[in-house]
Amino acid sequence: YGNYARSAAKGIDDFAAKVEAKDVDEIVGDAREFVRK
């Protein structure tokens, strides 16, 4: 269960890094594409 928690923490870190690497226009474009699909 501790490993589940560490895995969740890593997933959050990875997601935050992806968001940080994109500019706002890219995030909006990704959101539009997600909603469309």
All heavy atoms as atom14 arrays in JSON, in Angstrom:
{
  "sequence": "YGNYARSAAKGIDDFAAKVEAKDVDEIVGDAREFVRK",
  "atom14_mask": [
    [1, 1, 1, 1, 1, 1, 1, 1, 1, 1, 1, 1, 0, 0],
    [1, 1, 1, 1, 0, 0, 0, 0, 0, 0, 0, 0, 0, 0],
    [1, 1, 1, 1, 1, 1, 1, 1, 0, 0, 0, 0, 0, 0],
    [1, 1, 1, 1, 1, 1, 1, 1, 1, 1, 1, 1, 0, 0],
    [1, 1, 1, 1, 1, 0, 0, 0, 0, 0, 0, 0, 0, 0],
    [1, 1, 1, 1, 1, 1, 1, 1, 1, 1, 1, 0, 0, 0],
    [1, 1, 1, 1, 1, 1, 0, 0, 0, 0, 0, 0, 0, 0],
    [1, 1, 1, 1, 1, 0, 0, 0, 0, 0, 0, 0, 0, 0],
    [1, 1, 1, 1, 1, 0, 0, 0, 0, 0, 0, 0, 0, 0],
    [1, 1, 1, 1, 1, 1, 1, 1, 1, 0, 0, 0, 0, 0],
    [1, 1, 1, 1, 0, 0, 0, 0, 0, 0, 0, 0, 0, 0],
    [1, 1, 1, 1, 1, 1, 1, 1, 0, 0, 0, 0, 0, 0],
    [1, 1, 1, 1, 1, 1, 1, 1, 0, 0, 0, 0, 0, 0],
    [1, 1, 1, 1, 1, 1, 1, 1, 0, 0, 0, 0, 0, 0],
    [1, 1, 1, 1, 1, 1, 1, 1, 1, 1, 1, 0, 0, 0],
    [1, 1, 1, 1, 1, 0, 0, 0, 0, 0, 0, 0, 0, 0],
    [1, 1, 1, 1, 1, 0, 0, 0, 0, 0, 0, 0, 0, 0],
    [1, 1, 1, 1, 1, 1, 1, 1, 1, 0, 0, 0, 0, 0],
    [1, 1, 1, 1, 1, 1, 1, 0, 0, 0, 0, 0, 0, 0],
    [1, 1, 1, 1, 1, 1, 1, 1, 1, 0, 0, 0, 0, 0],
    [1, 1, 1, 1, 1, 0, 0, 0, 0, 0, 0, 0, 0, 0],
    [1, 1, 1, 1, 1, 1, 1, 1, 1, 0, 0, 0, 0, 0],
    [1, 1, 1, 1, 1, 1, 1, 1, 0, 0, 0, 0, 0, 0],
    [1, 1, 1, 1, 1, 1, 1, 0, 0, 0, 0, 0, 0, 0],
    [1, 1, 1, 1, 1, 1, 1, 1, 0, 0, 0, 0, 0, 0],
    [1, 1, 1, 1, 1, 1, 1, 1, 1, 0, 0, 0, 0, 0],
    [1, 1, 1, 1, 1, 1, 1, 1, 0, 0, 0, 0, 0, 0],
    [1, 1, 1, 1, 1, 1, 1, 0, 0, 0, 0, 0, 0, 0],
    [1, 1, 1, 1, 0, 0, 0, 0, 0, 0, 0, 0, 0, 0],
    [1, 1, 1, 1, 1, 1, 1, 1, 0, 0, 0, 0, 0, 0],
    [1, 1, 1, 1, 1, 0, 0, 0, 0, 0, 0, 0, 0, 0],
    [1, 1, 1, 1, 1, 1, 1, 1, 1, 1, 1, 0, 0, 0],
    [1, 1, 1, 1, 1, 1, 1, 1, 1, 0, 0, 0, 0, 0],
    [1, 1, 1, 1, 1, 1, 1, 1, 1, 1, 1, 0, 0, 0],
    [1, 1, 1, 1, 1, 1, 1, 0, 0, 0, 0, 0, 0, 0],
    [1, 1, 1, 1, 1, 1, 1, 1, 1, 1, 1, 0, 0, 0],
    [1, 1, 1, 1, 1, 1, 1, 1, 1, 0, 0, 0, 0, 0]
  ],
  "atom14_positions": [
    [[0.82, -1.21, 0.0], [0.0, 0.0, 0.0], [0.86, 1.26, 0.0], [0.48, 2.27, -0.6], [-0.97, -0.01, 1.19], [-1.98, -1.12, 1.05], [-1.86, -2.27, 1.82], [-3.02, -1.03, 0.14], [-2.77, -3.32, 1.69], [-3.93, -2.06, -0.01], [-3.81, -3.21, 0.77], [-4.69, -4.22, 0.63], [0.0, 0.0, 0.0], [0.0, 0.0, 0.0]],
    [[2.0, 1.2, 0.65], [2.93, 2.33, 0.6], [3.42, 2.56, -0.82], [3.57, 3.71, -1.27], [0.0, 0.0, 0.0], [0.0, 0.0, 0.0], [0.0, 0.0, 0.0], [0.0, 0.0, 0.0], [0.0, 0.0, 0.0], [0.0, 0.0, 0.0], [0.0, 0.0, 0.0], [0.0, 0.0, 0.0], [0.0, 0.0, 0.0], [0.0, 0.0, 0.0]],
    [[3.64, 1.47, -1.56], [4.06, 1.59, -2.96], [2.95, 2.19, -3.82], [3.24, 2.93, -4.77], [4.49, 0.23, -3.51], [5.83, -0.21, -2.95], [6.62, 0.62, -2.48], [6.08, -1.5, -2.96], [0.0, 0.0, 0.0], [0.0, 0.0, 0.0], [0.0, 0.0, 0.0], [0.0, 0.0, 0.0], [0.0, 0.0, 0.0], [0.0, 0.0, 0.0]],
    [[1.69, 1.87, -3.48], [0.58, 2.51, -4.2], [0.64, 4.03, -3.99], [0.44, 4.8, -4.93], [-0.78, 2.0, -3.7], [-1.1, 0.57, -4.09], [-1.84, -0.24, -3.25], [-0.69, 0.04, -5.31], [-2.17, -1.55, -3.59], [-1.02, -1.26, -5.67], [-1.75, -2.05, -4.81], [-2.06, -3.33, -5.15], [0.0, 0.0, 0.0], [0.0, 0.0, 0.0]],
    [[0.9, 4.44, -2.76], [1.0, 5.87, -2.46], [2.16, 6.5, -3.23], [2.01, 7.59, -3.8], [1.16, 6.09, -0.96], [0.0, 0.0, 0.0], [0.0, 0.0, 0.0], [0.0, 0.0, 0.0], [0.0, 0.0, 0.0], [0.0, 0.0, 0.0], [0.0, 0.0, 0.0], [0.0, 0.0, 0.0], [0.0, 0.0, 0.0], [0.0, 0.0, 0.0]],
    [[3.31, 5.84, -3.24], [4.46, 6.37, -3.98], [4.16, 6.46, -5.48], [4.55, 7.41, -6.15], [5.7, 5.53, -3.71], [6.36, 5.83, -2.37], [7.65, 5.05, -2.16], [7.39, 3.72, -1.62], [7.09, 3.47, -0.35], [6.99, 4.44, 0.51], [6.88, 2.24, 0.04], [0.0, 0.0, 0.0], [0.0, 0.0, 0.0], [0.0, 0.0, 0.0]],
    [[3.46, 5.45, -5.99], [3.08, 5.45, -7.4], [2.12, 6.61, -7.7], [2.26, 7.29, -8.73], [2.42, 4.12, -7.75], [1.98, 4.12, -9.08], [0.0, 0.0, 0.0], [0.0, 0.0, 0.0], [0.0, 0.0, 0.0], [0.0, 0.0, 0.0], [0.0, 0.0, 0.0], [0.0, 0.0, 0.0], [0.0, 0.0, 0.0], [0.0, 0.0, 0.0]],
    [[1.17, 6.86, -6.8], [0.25, 7.98, -6.98], [1.01, 9.31, -6.96], [0.77, 10.2, -7.78], [-0.82, 7.97, -5.89], [0.0, 0.0, 0.0], [0.0, 0.0, 0.0], [0.0, 0.0, 0.0], [0.0, 0.0, 0.0], [0.0, 0.0, 0.0], [0.0, 0.0, 0.0], [0.0, 0.0, 0.0], [0.0, 0.0, 0.0], [0.0, 0.0, 0.0]],
    [[1.97, 9.43, -6.04], [2.78, 10.65, -5.95], [3.56, 10.87, -7.23], [3.64, 11.99, -7.75], [3.72, 10.58, -4.75], [0.0, 0.0, 0.0], [0.0, 0.0, 0.0], [0.0, 0.0, 0.0], [0.0, 0.0, 0.0], [0.0, 0.0, 0.0], [0.0, 0.0, 0.0], [0.0, 0.0, 0.0], [0.0, 0.0, 0.0], [0.0, 0.0, 0.0]],
    [[4.13, 9.8, -7.78], [4.88, 9.92, -9.03], [3.96, 10.31, -10.18], [4.32, 11.15, -11.01], [5.6, 8.61, -9.36], [6.44, 8.72, -10.62], [7.25, 7.49, -10.87], [8.1, 7.54, -12.12], [7.91, 8.59, -13.07], [0.0, 0.0, 0.0], [0.0, 0.0, 0.0], [0.0, 0.0, 0.0], [0.0, 0.0, 0.0], [0.0, 0.0, 0.0]],
    [[2.77, 9.74, -10.21], [1.8, 10.1, -11.25], [1.43, 11.58, -11.19], [1.35, 12.25, -12.22], [0.0, 0.0, 0.0], [0.0, 0.0, 0.0], [0.0, 0.0, 0.0], [0.0, 0.0, 0.0], [0.0, 0.0, 0.0], [0.0, 0.0, 0.0], [0.0, 0.0, 0.0], [0.0, 0.0, 0.0], [0.0, 0.0, 0.0], [0.0, 0.0, 0.0]],
    [[1.23, 12.09, -9.99], [0.92, 13.51, -9.82], [2.09, 14.36, -10.28], [1.91, 15.36, -10.98], [0.54, 13.81, -8.36], [-0.8, 13.15, -8.02], [0.47, 15.32, -8.1], [-1.14, 13.15, -6.54], [0.0, 0.0, 0.0], [0.0, 0.0, 0.0], [0.0, 0.0, 0.0], [0.0, 0.0, 0.0], [0.0, 0.0, 0.0], [0.0, 0.0, 0.0]],
    [[3.31, 13.96, -9.89], [4.51, 14.7, -10.32], [4.64, 14.7, -11.84], [4.95, 15.74, -12.44], [5.77, 14.08, -9.72], [6.08, 14.61, -8.33], [5.56, 15.68, -7.96], [6.85, 13.94, -7.61], [0.0, 0.0, 0.0], [0.0, 0.0, 0.0], [0.0, 0.0, 0.0], [0.0, 0.0, 0.0], [0.0, 0.0, 0.0], [0.0, 0.0, 0.0]],
    [[4.43, 13.56, -12.45], [4.55, 13.46, -13.92], [3.51, 14.34, -14.61], [3.82, 15.04, -15.57], [4.37, 12.0, -14.38], [5.54, 11.11, -13.96], [6.58, 11.64, -13.52], [5.39, 9.87, -14.08], [0.0, 0.0, 0.0], [0.0, 0.0, 0.0], [0.0, 0.0, 0.0], [0.0, 0.0, 0.0], [0.0, 0.0, 0.0], [0.0, 0.0, 0.0]],
    [[2.27, 14.31, -14.1], [1.22, 15.14, -14.67], [1.56, 16.62, -14.52], [1.43, 17.4, -15.48], [-0.13, 14.84, -14.0], [-1.24, 15.73, -14.47], [-1.81, 15.53, -15.72], [-1.7, 16.78, -13.69], [-2.83, 16.35, -16.17], [-2.71, 17.6, -14.13], [-3.28, 17.39, -15.38], [0.0, 0.0, 0.0], [0.0, 0.0, 0.0], [0.0, 0.0, 0.0]],
    [[2.03, 17.02, -13.35], [2.4, 18.42, -13.11], [3.53, 18.85, -14.04], [3.52, 19.97, -14.56], [2.79, 18.63, -11.65], [0.0, 0.0, 0.0], [0.0, 0.0, 0.0], [0.0, 0.0, 0.0], [0.0, 0.0, 0.0], [0.0, 0.0, 0.0], [0.0, 0.0, 0.0], [0.0, 0.0, 0.0], [0.0, 0.0, 0.0], [0.0, 0.0, 0.0]],
    [[4.49, 17.96, -14.26], [5.6, 18.29, -15.16], [5.11, 18.48, -16.6], [5.57, 19.39, -17.3], [6.67, 17.18, -15.11], [0.0, 0.0, 0.0], [0.0, 0.0, 0.0], [0.0, 0.0, 0.0], [0.0, 0.0, 0.0], [0.0, 0.0, 0.0], [0.0, 0.0, 0.0], [0.0, 0.0, 0.0], [0.0, 0.0, 0.0], [0.0, 0.0, 0.0]],
    [[4.17, 17.64, -17.03], [3.61, 17.8, -18.38], [2.87, 19.12, -18.52], [2.99, 19.8, -19.53], [2.67, 16.63, -18.71], [3.38, 15.33, -18.98], [2.4, 14.21, -19.24], [3.12, 12.89, -19.4], [2.19, 11.77, -19.58], [0.0, 0.0, 0.0], [0.0, 0.0, 0.0], [0.0, 0.0, 0.0], [0.0, 0.0, 0.0], [0.0, 0.0, 0.0]],
    [[2.09, 19.48, -17.5], [1.35, 20.74, -17.54], [2.32, 21.91, -17.53], [2.17, 22.87, -18.28], [0.35, 20.84, -16.35], [-0.23, 22.23, -16.23], [-0.76, 19.81, -16.52], [0.0, 0.0, 0.0], [0.0, 0.0, 0.0], [0.0, 0.0, 0.0], [0.0, 0.0, 0.0], [0.0, 0.0, 0.0], [0.0, 0.0, 0.0], [0.0, 0.0, 0.0]],
    [[3.34, 21.83, -16.7], [4.32, 22.91, -16.6], [5.06, 23.12, -17.91], [5.39, 24.25, -18.28], [5.33, 22.59, -15.48], [6.3, 23.7, -15.19], [5.65, 24.97, -14.63], [4.64, 24.87, -13.94], [6.18, 26.06, -14.92], [0.0, 0.0, 0.0], [0.0, 0.0, 0.0], [0.0, 0.0, 0.0], [0.0, 0.0, 0.0], [0.0, 0.0, 0.0]],
    [[5.29, 22.04, -18.65], [6.04, 22.13, -19.91], [5.23, 22.76, -21.04], [5.81, 23.2, -22.03], [6.52, 20.74, -20.32], [0.0, 0.0, 0.0], [0.0, 0.0, 0.0], [0.0, 0.0, 0.0], [0.0, 0.0, 0.0], [0.0, 0.0, 0.0], [0.0, 0.0, 0.0], [0.0, 0.0, 0.0], [0.0, 0.0, 0.0], [0.0, 0.0, 0.0]],
    [[3.91, 22.8, -20.89], [3.07, 23.34, -21.96], [2.67, 24.77, -21.66], [2.55, 25.16, -20.51], [1.79, 22.49, -22.1], [2.06, 21.09, -22.6], [0.78, 20.35, -22.81], [1.07, 18.99, -23.41], [-0.14, 18.33, -23.88], [0.0, 0.0, 0.0], [0.0, 0.0, 0.0], [0.0, 0.0, 0.0], [0.0, 0.0, 0.0], [0.0, 0.0, 0.0]],
    [[2.44, 25.53, -22.74], [1.89, 26.87, -22.52], [0.37, 26.77, -22.5], [-0.22, 25.74, -22.82], [2.41, 27.89, -23.53], [1.9, 27.68, -24.95], [1.05, 26.81, -25.16], [2.36, 28.41, -25.85], [0.0, 0.0, 0.0], [0.0, 0.0, 0.0], [0.0, 0.0, 0.0], [0.0, 0.0, 0.0], [0.0, 0.0, 0.0], [0.0, 0.0, 0.0]],
    [[-0.26, 27.84, -22.09], [-1.7, 27.85, -21.89], [-2.45, 27.49, -23.17], [-3.44, 26.74, -23.14], [-2.15, 29.23, -21.35], [-3.66, 29.32, -21.3], [-1.57, 29.46, -19.97], [0.0, 0.0, 0.0], [0.0, 0.0, 0.0], [0.0, 0.0, 0.0], [0.0, 0.0, 0.0], [0.0, 0.0, 0.0], [0.0, 0.0, 0.0], [0.0, 0.0, 0.0]],
    [[-2.0, 27.99, -24.31], [-2.67, 27.7, -25.57], [-2.66, 26.2, -25.88], [-3.64, 25.65, -26.38], [-2.04, 28.48, -26.72], [-2.28, 29.98, -26.6], [-3.31, 30.38, -26.02], [-1.43, 30.76, -27.07], [0.0, 0.0, 0.0], [0.0, 0.0, 0.0], [0.0, 0.0, 0.0], [0.0, 0.0, 0.0], [0.0, 0.0, 0.0], [0.0, 0.0, 0.0]],
    [[-1.55, 25.53, -25.57], [-1.47, 24.08, -25.8], [-2.43, 23.34, -24.87], [-3.08, 22.38, -25.29], [-0.05, 23.58, -25.55], [0.95, 23.95, -26.62], [2.35, 23.49, -26.27], [2.88, 23.91, -25.23], [2.9, 22.69, -27.04], [0.0, 0.0, 0.0], [0.0, 0.0, 0.0], [0.0, 0.0, 0.0], [0.0, 0.0, 0.0], [0.0, 0.0, 0.0]],
    [[-2.53, 23.79, -23.62], [-3.43, 23.14, -22.67], [-4.88, 23.3, -23.13], [-5.66, 22.34, -23.1], [-3.22, 23.72, -21.25], [-1.82, 23.34, -20.74], [-4.3, 23.22, -20.29], [-1.41, 24.05, -19.48], [0.0, 0.0, 0.0], [0.0, 0.0, 0.0], [0.0, 0.0, 0.0], [0.0, 0.0, 0.0], [0.0, 0.0, 0.0], [0.0, 0.0, 0.0]],
    [[-5.24, 24.49, -23.57], [-6.6, 24.73, -24.07], [-6.86, 23.85, -25.29], [-7.92, 23.23, -25.41], [-6.81, 26.22, -24.4], [-8.11, 26.45, -25.16], [-6.79, 27.05, -23.12], [0.0, 0.0, 0.0], [0.0, 0.0, 0.0], [0.0, 0.0, 0.0], [0.0, 0.0, 0.0], [0.0, 0.0, 0.0], [0.0, 0.0, 0.0], [0.0, 0.0, 0.0]],
    [[-5.89, 23.75, -26.19], [-6.03, 22.9, -27.37], [-6.21, 21.44, -26.99], [-7.07, 20.75, -27.57], [0.0, 0.0, 0.0], [0.0, 0.0, 0.0], [0.0, 0.0, 0.0], [0.0, 0.0, 0.0], [0.0, 0.0, 0.0], [0.0, 0.0, 0.0], [0.0, 0.0, 0.0], [0.0, 0.0, 0.0], [0.0, 0.0, 0.0], [0.0, 0.0, 0.0]],
    [[-5.43, 20.98, -26.01], [-5.57, 19.59, -25.54], [-6.95, 19.35, -24.95], [-7.57, 18.31, -25.18], [-4.5, 19.27, -24.5], [-3.11, 19.16, -25.08], [-2.96, 19.15, -26.33], [-2.14, 19.1, -24.29], [0.0, 0.0, 0.0], [0.0, 0.0, 0.0], [0.0, 0.0, 0.0], [0.0, 0.0, 0.0], [0.0, 0.0, 0.0], [0.0, 0.0, 0.0]],
    [[-7.44, 20.33, -24.17], [-8.76, 20.19, -23.55], [-9.84, 20.13, -24.62], [-10.76, 19.3, -24.55], [-9.01, 21.35, -22.59], [0.0, 0.0, 0.0], [0.0, 0.0, 0.0], [0.0, 0.0, 0.0], [0.0, 0.0, 0.0], [0.0, 0.0, 0.0], [0.0, 0.0, 0.0], [0.0, 0.0, 0.0], [0.0, 0.0, 0.0], [0.0, 0.0, 0.0]],
    [[-9.73, 20.99, -25.63], [-10.73, 20.96, -26.72], [-10.7, 19.62, -27.44], [-11.75, 19.07, -27.77], [-10.43, 22.08, -27.72], [-10.86, 23.43, -27.24], [-10.64, 24.47, -28.3], [-11.05, 25.77, -27.8], [-10.49, 26.91, -28.13], [-9.48, 26.94, -28.97], [-10.92, 28.04, -27.63], [0.0, 0.0, 0.0], [0.0, 0.0, 0.0], [0.0, 0.0, 0.0]],
    [[-9.52, 19.12, -27.69], [-9.4, 17.83, -28.38], [-9.99, 16.71, -27.54], [-10.69, 15.83, -28.05], [-7.92, 17.55, -28.69], [-7.66, 16.3, -29.49], [-8.19, 16.37, -30.92], [-8.47, 17.48, -31.41], [-8.32, 15.3, -31.54], [0.0, 0.0, 0.0], [0.0, 0.0, 0.0], [0.0, 0.0, 0.0], [0.0, 0.0, 0.0], [0.0, 0.0, 0.0]],
    [[-9.73, 16.73, -26.24], [-10.27, 15.71, -25.35], [-11.79, 15.74, -25.37], [-12.45, 14.7, -25.47], [-9.76, 15.92, -23.91], [-10.28, 14.92, -22.94], [-9.69, 13.68, -22.82], [-11.39, 15.2, -22.16], [-10.18, 12.73, -21.93], [-11.9, 14.28, -21.27], [-11.29, 13.04, -21.15], [0.0, 0.0, 0.0], [0.0, 0.0, 0.0], [0.0, 0.0, 0.0]],
    [[-12.38, 16.94, -25.26], [-13.84, 17.08, -25.26], [-14.41, 16.61, -26.59], [-15.45, 15.95, -26.63], [-14.25, 18.53, -24.95], [-15.73, 18.75, -25.2], [-13.89, 18.89, -23.52], [0.0, 0.0, 0.0], [0.0, 0.0, 0.0], [0.0, 0.0, 0.0], [0.0, 0.0, 0.0], [0.0, 0.0, 0.0], [0.0, 0.0, 0.0], [0.0, 0.0, 0.0]],
    [[-13.72, 16.93, -27.68], [-14.19, 16.51, -29.01], [-14.18, 14.99, -29.13], [-15.11, 14.38, -29.65], [-13.31, 17.13, -30.09], [-13.85, 16.94, -31.49], [-12.97, 17.55, -32.55], [-11.68, 16.89, -32.7], [-11.49, 15.68, -33.24], [-12.51, 15.0, -33.7], [-10.29, 15.16, -33.33], [0.0, 0.0, 0.0], [0.0, 0.0, 0.0], [0.0, 0.0, 0.0]],
    [[-13.14, 14.34, -28.6], [-13.02, 12.88, -28.73], [-13.86, 12.13, -27.7], [-14.32, 11.03, -27.98], [-11.55, 12.47, -28.56], [-10.69, 12.79, -29.75], [-9.28, 12.27, -29.54], [-8.43, 12.5, -30.77], [-7.05, 12.02, -30.56], [0.0, 0.0, 0.0], [0.0, 0.0, 0.0], [0.0, 0.0, 0.0], [0.0, 0.0, 0.0], [0.0, 0.0, 0.0]]
  ]
}
